[in-house]
């Protein structure tokens, strides 16, 4: 009896190419073709020289300002800020969880405002001031290198379980406290609305934020 090979997993072609990888490749190919076409169009003009602001289609060397330091990194036009931080600069505190800007696990502070780094191109962060969770203890910790107050409060109130969401929640709490040193519980909840904790440690996170602001924590009923 002839034994047939098992069918491929759902959504995957027998060749091993999934729908997701095919669409990703198609998107990158389209972006590369568009960039190459733009470059050729510019160079086709009489006396034209390569424009300094033209990016791609290949990798380019840029400098990102992260946690107060100028950091050179080589990135492609489609590289997200999260990818540049994690893969290019080795700053793995920001987590890639949903990869669609809906969970807040990759939150960083850019020019004083909270952003999800998975939805921002790294090239768009050139010239901006990017702060990640790695920069809190070194930059703002009391006593030079100590934990930032919000980090210490997270430890005190056990505001984490699996830890995937924790860096993003820490940055979101810092953003709340930067905007309002004495926020109400309602203001804290609103400021953290874009961050998901699948372990459900919200009460402890709220307590940590209140503690870091010098206010009494709430009781978990």
C-alpha atoms as a PDB file:
ATOM      1  CA  UNK A   1       0.000   0.000   0.000  1.00  0.00           C
ATOM      2  CA  UNK A   2       1.300   3.442  -0.926  1.00  0.00           C
ATOM      3  CA  UNK A   3       1.501   5.826   2.027  1.00  0.00           C
ATOM      4  CA  UNK A   4       0.642   9.396   1.165  1.00  0.00           C
ATOM      5  CA  UNK A   5       2.511  12.233   2.876  1.00  0.00           C
ATOM      6  CA  UNK A   6       0.532  14.139   5.532  1.00  0.00           C
ATOM      7  CA  UNK A   7      -1.298  17.254   4.326  1.00  0.00           C
ATOM      8  CA  UNK A   8       0.409  20.581   4.942  1.00  0.00           C
ATOM      9  CA  UNK A   9      -0.714  22.661   7.971  1.00  0.00           C
ATOM     10  CA  UNK A  10      -3.710  24.914   7.438  1.00  0.00           C
ATOM     11  CA  UNK A  11      -2.786  28.118   5.632  1.00  0.00           C
ATOM     12  CA  UNK A  12       0.501  26.734   4.313  1.00  0.00           C
ATOM     13  CA  UNK A  13       1.223  25.747   0.723  1.00  0.00           C
ATOM     14  CA  UNK A  14       2.885  22.336   0.108  1.00  0.00           C
ATOM     15  CA  UNK A  15       6.007  24.248  -0.939  1.00  0.00           C
ATOM     16  CA  UNK A  16       6.374  25.482   2.635  1.00  0.00           C
ATOM     17  CA  UNK A  17       5.340  29.072   1.922  1.00  0.00           C
ATOM     18  CA  UNK A  18       2.577  30.343   4.199  1.00  0.00           C
ATOM     19  CA  UNK A  19       0.033  32.991   3.216  1.00  0.00           C
ATOM     20  CA  UNK A  20       1.556  35.342   5.773  1.00  0.00           C
ATOM     21  CA  UNK A  21       5.118  34.953   4.508  1.00  0.00           C
ATOM     22  CA  UNK A  22       3.913  35.270   0.897  1.00  0.00           C
ATOM     23  CA  UNK A  23       2.080  38.523   1.629  1.00  0.00           C
ATOM     24  CA  UNK A  24       5.024  39.876   3.606  1.00  0.00           C
ATOM     25  CA  UNK A  25       7.384  39.090   0.744  1.00  0.00           C
ATOM     26  CA  UNK A  26       4.953  40.618  -1.725  1.00  0.00           C
ATOM     27  CA  UNK A  27       4.723  43.793   0.347  1.00  0.00           C
ATOM     28  CA  UNK A  28       8.496  44.154   0.679  1.00  0.00           C
ATOM     29  CA  UNK A  29       8.954  43.512  -3.043  1.00  0.00           C
ATOM     30  CA  UNK A  30       6.379  46.177  -3.885  1.00  0.00           C
ATOM     31  CA  UNK A  31       7.992  48.694  -1.537  1.00  0.00           C
ATOM     32  CA  UNK A  32      11.442  47.959  -2.960  1.00  0.00           C
ATOM     33  CA  UNK A  33      10.198  48.353  -6.539  1.00  0.00           C
ATOM     34  CA  UNK A  34       8.537  51.662  -5.687  1.00  0.00           C
ATOM     35  CA  UNK A  35      11.695  53.009  -4.037  1.00  0.00           C
ATOM     36  CA  UNK A  36      13.861  51.879  -6.901  1.00  0.00           C
ATOM     37  CA  UNK A  37      11.459  53.495  -9.388  1.00  0.00           C
ATOM     38  CA  UNK A  38      11.573  56.787  -7.491  1.00  0.00           C
ATOM     39  CA  UNK A  39      15.362  56.732  -7.463  1.00  0.00           C
ATOM     40  CA  UNK A  40      15.547  56.023 -11.182  1.00  0.00           C
ATOM     41  CA  UNK A  41      13.047  58.794 -11.929  1.00  0.00           C
ATOM     42  CA  UNK A  42      15.138  61.330 -10.038  1.00  0.00           C
ATOM     43  CA  UNK A  43      18.380  60.260 -11.671  1.00  0.00           C
ATOM     44  CA  UNK A  44      16.744  60.404 -15.107  1.00  0.00           C
ATOM     45  CA  UNK A  45      16.366  64.180 -14.800  1.00  0.00           C
ATOM     46  CA  UNK A  46      19.104  66.180 -16.583  1.00  0.00           C
ATOM     47  CA  UNK A  47      21.970  66.926 -14.207  1.00  0.00           C
ATOM     48  CA  UNK A  48      20.231  65.181 -11.328  1.00  0.00           C
ATOM     49  CA  UNK A  49      22.215  63.761  -8.428  1.00  0.00           C
ATOM     50  CA  UNK A  50      21.100  61.245  -5.816  1.00  0.00           C
ATOM     51  CA  UNK A  51      18.947  63.075  -3.277  1.00  0.00           C
ATOM     52  CA  UNK A  52      20.189  63.037   0.298  1.00  0.00           C
ATOM     53  CA  UNK A  53      16.677  62.361   1.611  1.00  0.00           C
ATOM     54  CA  UNK A  54      16.107  59.326  -0.612  1.00  0.00           C
ATOM     55  CA  UNK A  55      16.066  56.121   1.434  1.00  0.00           C
ATOM     56  CA  UNK A  56      16.496  52.608   0.054  1.00  0.00           C
ATOM     57  CA  UNK A  57      16.029  50.301  -1.537  1.00  0.00           C
ATOM     58  CA  UNK A  58      18.905  48.707   0.383  1.00  0.00           C
ATOM     59  CA  UNK A  59      20.039  49.076   4.007  1.00  0.00           C
ATOM     60  CA  UNK A  60      21.375  52.411   5.188  1.00  0.00           C
ATOM     61  CA  UNK A  61      23.352  53.615   8.174  1.00  0.00           C
ATOM     62  CA  UNK A  62      21.526  55.984  10.542  1.00  0.00           C
ATOM     63  CA  UNK A  63      22.024  57.307  14.043  1.00  0.00           C
ATOM     64  CA  UNK A  64      19.263  56.970  16.625  1.00  0.00           C
ATOM     65  CA  UNK A  65      19.291  58.882  19.888  1.00  0.00           C
ATOM     66  CA  UNK A  66      18.282  56.314  22.496  1.00  0.00           C
ATOM     67  CA  UNK A  67      18.375  56.934  26.244  1.00  0.00           C
ATOM     68  CA  UNK A  68      20.457  60.045  25.702  1.00  0.00           C
ATOM     69  CA  UNK A  69      23.117  58.327  23.579  1.00  0.00           C
ATOM     70  CA  UNK A  70      23.794  58.553  19.841  1.00  0.00           C
ATOM     71  CA  UNK A  71      23.649  54.982  18.534  1.00  0.00           C
ATOM     72  CA  UNK A  72      24.523  54.121  14.901  1.00  0.00           C
ATOM     73  CA  UNK A  73      22.604  51.250  13.361  1.00  0.00           C
ATOM     74  CA  UNK A  74      22.152  49.805   9.874  1.00  0.00           C
ATOM     75  CA  UNK A  75      18.505  49.391   8.922  1.00  0.00           C
ATOM     76  CA  UNK A  76      16.356  48.751   5.874  1.00  0.00           C
ATOM     77  CA  UNK A  77      13.542  51.137   4.848  1.00  0.00           C
ATOM     78  CA  UNK A  78      10.879  48.794   6.273  1.00  0.00           C
ATOM     79  CA  UNK A  79      12.633  48.240   9.618  1.00  0.00           C
ATOM     80  CA  UNK A  80      10.423  49.199  12.541  1.00  0.00           C
ATOM     81  CA  UNK A  81      11.763  51.083  15.531  1.00  0.00           C
ATOM     82  CA  UNK A  82      11.137  47.967  17.646  1.00  0.00           C
ATOM     83  CA  UNK A  83      13.249  45.836  15.300  1.00  0.00           C
ATOM     84  CA  UNK A  84      16.029  48.432  15.280  1.00  0.00           C
ATOM     85  CA  UNK A  85      16.044  48.556  19.089  1.00  0.00           C
ATOM     86  CA  UNK A  86      15.940  44.796  19.642  1.00  0.00           C
ATOM     87  CA  UNK A  87      17.912  43.397  16.700  1.00  0.00           C
ATOM     88  CA  UNK A  88      20.102  46.321  15.729  1.00  0.00           C
ATOM     89  CA  UNK A  89      20.990  47.796  19.123  1.00  0.00           C
ATOM     90  CA  UNK A  90      20.459  44.842  21.460  1.00  0.00           C
ATOM     91  CA  UNK A  91      17.928  46.716  23.603  1.00  0.00           C
ATOM     92  CA  UNK A  92      15.500  43.863  24.189  1.00  0.00           C
ATOM     93  CA  UNK A  93      13.487  45.433  27.006  1.00  0.00           C
ATOM     94  CA  UNK A  94      10.735  46.488  24.615  1.00  0.00           C
ATOM     95  CA  UNK A  95       8.797  43.318  23.805  1.00  0.00           C
ATOM     96  CA  UNK A  96       7.321  42.203  20.498  1.00  0.00           C
ATOM     97  CA  UNK A  97       4.013  40.666  21.584  1.00  0.00           C
ATOM     98  CA  UNK A  98       1.111  41.477  19.243  1.00  0.00           C
ATOM     99  CA  UNK A  99       3.150  43.230  16.499  1.00  0.00           C
ATOM    100  CA  UNK A 100       0.115  45.333  15.576  1.00  0.00           C
ATOM    101  CA  UNK A 101       0.106  48.159  18.129  1.00  0.00           C
ATOM    102  CA  UNK A 102      -2.739  46.842  20.254  1.00  0.00           C
ATOM    103  CA  UNK A 103      -1.059  45.500  23.417  1.00  0.00           C
ATOM    104  CA  UNK A 104       1.491  48.150  24.430  1.00  0.00           C
ATOM    105  CA  UNK A 105       4.256  45.618  25.142  1.00  0.00           C
ATOM    106  CA  UNK A 106       6.707  47.565  22.968  1.00  0.00           C
ATOM    107  CA  UNK A 107       5.906  51.016  24.397  1.00  0.00           C
ATOM    108  CA  UNK A 108       8.674  53.598  24.437  1.00  0.00           C
ATOM    109  CA  UNK A 109       8.682  57.324  25.060  1.00  0.00           C
ATOM    110  CA  UNK A 110       9.572  59.470  22.046  1.00  0.00           C
ATOM    111  CA  UNK A 111      10.066  63.202  22.527  1.00  0.00           C
ATOM    112  CA  UNK A 112       8.101  62.997  25.764  1.00  0.00           C
ATOM    113  CA  UNK A 113       5.135  61.034  24.389  1.00  0.00           C
ATOM    114  CA  UNK A 114       4.267  57.346  24.682  1.00  0.00           C
ATOM    115  CA  UNK A 115       4.433  55.366  21.427  1.00  0.00           C
ATOM    116  CA  UNK A 116       4.223  51.727  20.374  1.00  0.00           C
ATOM    117  CA  UNK A 117       7.528  51.064  18.620  1.00  0.00           C
ATOM    118  CA  UNK A 118       6.217  48.189  16.485  1.00  0.00           C
ATOM    119  CA  UNK A 119       4.096  50.595  14.439  1.00  0.00           C
ATOM    120  CA  UNK A 120       6.776  53.204  13.757  1.00  0.00           C
ATOM    121  CA  UNK A 121       9.514  52.999  11.139  1.00  0.00           C
ATOM    122  CA  UNK A 122      12.998  53.370  12.557  1.00  0.00           C
ATOM    123  CA  UNK A 123      13.803  56.014   9.932  1.00  0.00           C
ATOM    124  CA  UNK A 124      10.996  58.159  11.354  1.00  0.00           C
ATOM    125  CA  UNK A 125      12.728  58.143  14.738  1.00  0.00           C
ATOM    126  CA  UNK A 126      15.942  59.668  13.388  1.00  0.00           C
ATOM    127  CA  UNK A 127      16.420  63.014  15.116  1.00  0.00           C
ATOM    128  CA  UNK A 128      13.971  62.153  17.910  1.00  0.00           C
ATOM    129  CA  UNK A 129      14.728  61.457  21.565  1.00  0.00           C
ATOM    130  CA  UNK A 130      13.819  57.818  22.246  1.00  0.00           C
ATOM    131  CA  UNK A 131      13.615  56.473  25.785  1.00  0.00           C
ATOM    132  CA  UNK A 132      13.316  52.754  26.511  1.00  0.00           C
ATOM    133  CA  UNK A 133      12.932  50.849  29.760  1.00  0.00           C
ATOM    134  CA  UNK A 134      16.709  50.233  29.797  1.00  0.00           C
ATOM    135  CA  UNK A 135      17.281  53.957  30.245  1.00  0.00           C
ATOM    136  CA  UNK A 136      15.199  54.417  33.386  1.00  0.00           C
ATOM    137  CA  UNK A 137      17.551  53.070  36.045  1.00  0.00           C
ATOM    138  CA  UNK A 138      20.668  54.573  34.461  1.00  0.00           C
ATOM    139  CA  UNK A 139      19.097  57.934  33.689  1.00  0.00           C
ATOM    140  CA  UNK A 140      16.579  58.657  36.425  1.00  0.00           C
ATOM    141  CA  UNK A 141      17.435  56.313  39.269  1.00  0.00           C
ATOM    142  CA  UNK A 142      18.262  57.935  42.578  1.00  0.00           C
ATOM    143  CA  UNK A 143      21.803  57.385  43.713  1.00  0.00           C
ATOM    144  CA  UNK A 144      23.211  56.863  40.226  1.00  0.00           C
ATOM    145  CA  UNK A 145      22.121  53.629  38.634  1.00  0.00           C
ATOM    146  CA  UNK A 146      19.451  52.709  41.178  1.00  0.00           C
ATOM    147  CA  UNK A 147      15.961  51.670  40.169  1.00  0.00           C
ATOM    148  CA  UNK A 148      13.614  54.345  38.919  1.00  0.00           C
ATOM    149  CA  UNK A 149      10.790  54.957  41.439  1.00  0.00           C
ATOM    150  CA  UNK A 150       8.231  53.300  39.178  1.00  0.00           C
ATOM    151  CA  UNK A 151      10.477  50.246  38.767  1.00  0.00           C
ATOM    152  CA  UNK A 152      10.974  50.008  42.536  1.00  0.00           C
ATOM    153  CA  UNK A 153       7.212  50.315  43.036  1.00  0.00           C
ATOM    154  CA  UNK A 154       6.567  47.495  40.553  1.00  0.00           C
ATOM    155  CA  UNK A 155       8.891  45.280  42.610  1.00  0.00           C
ATOM    156  CA  UNK A 156       7.285  46.287  45.909  1.00  0.00           C
ATOM    157  CA  UNK A 157       3.724  45.633  44.722  1.00  0.00           C
ATOM    158  CA  UNK A 158       4.577  42.519  42.697  1.00  0.00           C
ATOM    159  CA  UNK A 159       3.085  44.158  39.614  1.00  0.00           C
ATOM    160  CA  UNK A 160       4.167  41.447  37.181  1.00  0.00           C
ATOM    161  CA  UNK A 161       3.794  37.744  36.485  1.00  0.00           C
ATOM    162  CA  UNK A 162       4.988  36.500  33.083  1.00  0.00           C
ATOM    163  CA  UNK A 163       6.787  39.803  32.478  1.00  0.00           C
ATOM    164  CA  UNK A 164       6.060  40.244  28.758  1.00  0.00           C
ATOM    165  CA  UNK A 165       3.867  43.305  29.276  1.00  0.00           C
ATOM    166  CA  UNK A 166       5.901  44.717  32.168  1.00  0.00           C
ATOM    167  CA  UNK A 167       8.398  46.933  30.273  1.00  0.00           C
ATOM    168  CA  UNK A 168       5.564  48.545  28.316  1.00  0.00           C
ATOM    169  CA  UNK A 169       3.505  49.098  31.462  1.00  0.00           C
ATOM    170  CA  UNK A 170       6.507  50.605  33.244  1.00  0.00           C
ATOM    171  CA  UNK A 171       6.997  53.066  30.377  1.00  0.00           C
ATOM    172  CA  UNK A 172       3.268  53.836  30.289  1.00  0.00           C
ATOM    173  CA  UNK A 173       3.297  54.530  34.042  1.00  0.00           C
ATOM    174  CA  UNK A 174       6.310  56.804  33.610  1.00  0.00           C
ATOM    175  CA  UNK A 175       4.476  58.664  30.861  1.00  0.00           C
ATOM    176  CA  UNK A 176       1.479  59.129  33.165  1.00  0.00           C
ATOM    177  CA  UNK A 177       3.675  60.441  35.986  1.00  0.00           C
ATOM    178  CA  UNK A 178       5.645  62.715  33.650  1.00  0.00           C
ATOM    179  CA  UNK A 179       2.376  64.347  32.590  1.00  0.00           C
ATOM    180  CA  UNK A 180       0.887  64.446  36.104  1.00  0.00           C
ATOM    181  CA  UNK A 181       3.045  63.769  39.200  1.00  0.00           C
ATOM    182  CA  UNK A 182      -0.086  63.144  41.333  1.00  0.00           C
ATOM    183  CA  UNK A 183      -2.577  61.376  39.062  1.00  0.00           C
ATOM    184  CA  UNK A 184      -5.914  60.085  40.260  1.00  0.00           C
ATOM    185  CA  UNK A 185      -6.772  56.417  39.897  1.00  0.00           C
ATOM    186  CA  UNK A 186      -9.050  57.293  36.962  1.00  0.00           C
ATOM    187  CA  UNK A 187      -6.206  59.169  35.250  1.00  0.00           C
ATOM    188  CA  UNK A 188      -3.863  56.220  35.775  1.00  0.00           C
ATOM    189  CA  UNK A 189      -6.385  53.794  34.266  1.00  0.00           C
ATOM    190  CA  UNK A 190      -6.869  56.083  31.273  1.00  0.00           C
ATOM    191  CA  UNK A 191      -3.116  56.456  30.775  1.00  0.00           C
ATOM    192  CA  UNK A 192      -2.626  52.674  30.816  1.00  0.00           C
ATOM    193  CA  UNK A 193      -5.640  51.895  28.624  1.00  0.00           C
ATOM    194  CA  UNK A 194      -3.420  50.982  25.672  1.00  0.00           C
ATOM    195  CA  UNK A 195      -1.479  48.344  27.624  1.00  0.00           C
ATOM    196  CA  UNK A 196      -2.752  44.787  28.046  1.00  0.00           C
ATOM    197  CA  UNK A 197      -1.708  42.482  30.888  1.00  0.00           C
ATOM    198  CA  UNK A 198      -2.829  38.964  30.060  1.00  0.00           C
ATOM    199  CA  UNK A 199      -2.003  37.827  33.600  1.00  0.00           C
ATOM    200  CA  UNK A 200      -4.415  40.402  35.054  1.00  0.00           C
ATOM    201  CA  UNK A 201      -2.078  42.250  37.429  1.00  0.00           C
ATOM    202  CA  UNK A 202      -3.852  45.561  36.869  1.00  0.00           C
ATOM    203  CA  UNK A 203      -4.577  46.317  40.533  1.00  0.00           C
ATOM    204  CA  UNK A 204      -0.926  45.841  41.465  1.00  0.00           C
ATOM    205  CA  UNK A 205       0.125  48.011  38.518  1.00  0.00           C
ATOM    206  CA  UNK A 206      -2.261  50.762  39.661  1.00  0.00           C
ATOM    207  CA  UNK A 207      -0.836  50.464  43.182  1.00  0.00           C
ATOM    208  CA  UNK A 208       2.706  50.724  41.823  1.00  0.00           C
ATOM    209  CA  UNK A 209       1.853  53.894  39.926  1.00  0.00           C
ATOM    210  CA  UNK A 210       0.169  55.393  43.004  1.00  0.00           C
ATOM    211  CA  UNK A 211       3.145  54.414  45.177  1.00  0.00           C
ATOM    212  CA  UNK A 212       5.613  56.017  42.754  1.00  0.00           C
ATOM    213  CA  UNK A 213       3.576  59.234  42.895  1.00  0.00           C
ATOM    214  CA  UNK A 214       3.695  59.303  46.701  1.00  0.00           C
ATOM    215  CA  UNK A 215       0.046  58.341  47.155  1.00  0.00           C
ATOM    216  CA  UNK A 216      -1.569  55.575  49.147  1.00  0.00           C
ATOM    217  CA  UNK A 217      -2.286  52.388  47.202  1.00  0.00           C
ATOM    218  CA  UNK A 218      -5.794  51.079  46.738  1.00  0.00           C
ATOM    219  CA  UNK A 219      -7.124  47.889  48.287  1.00  0.00           C
ATOM    220  CA  UNK A 220      -7.935  44.962  46.064  1.00  0.00           C
ATOM    221  CA  UNK A 221     -11.467  43.959  46.971  1.00  0.00           C
END
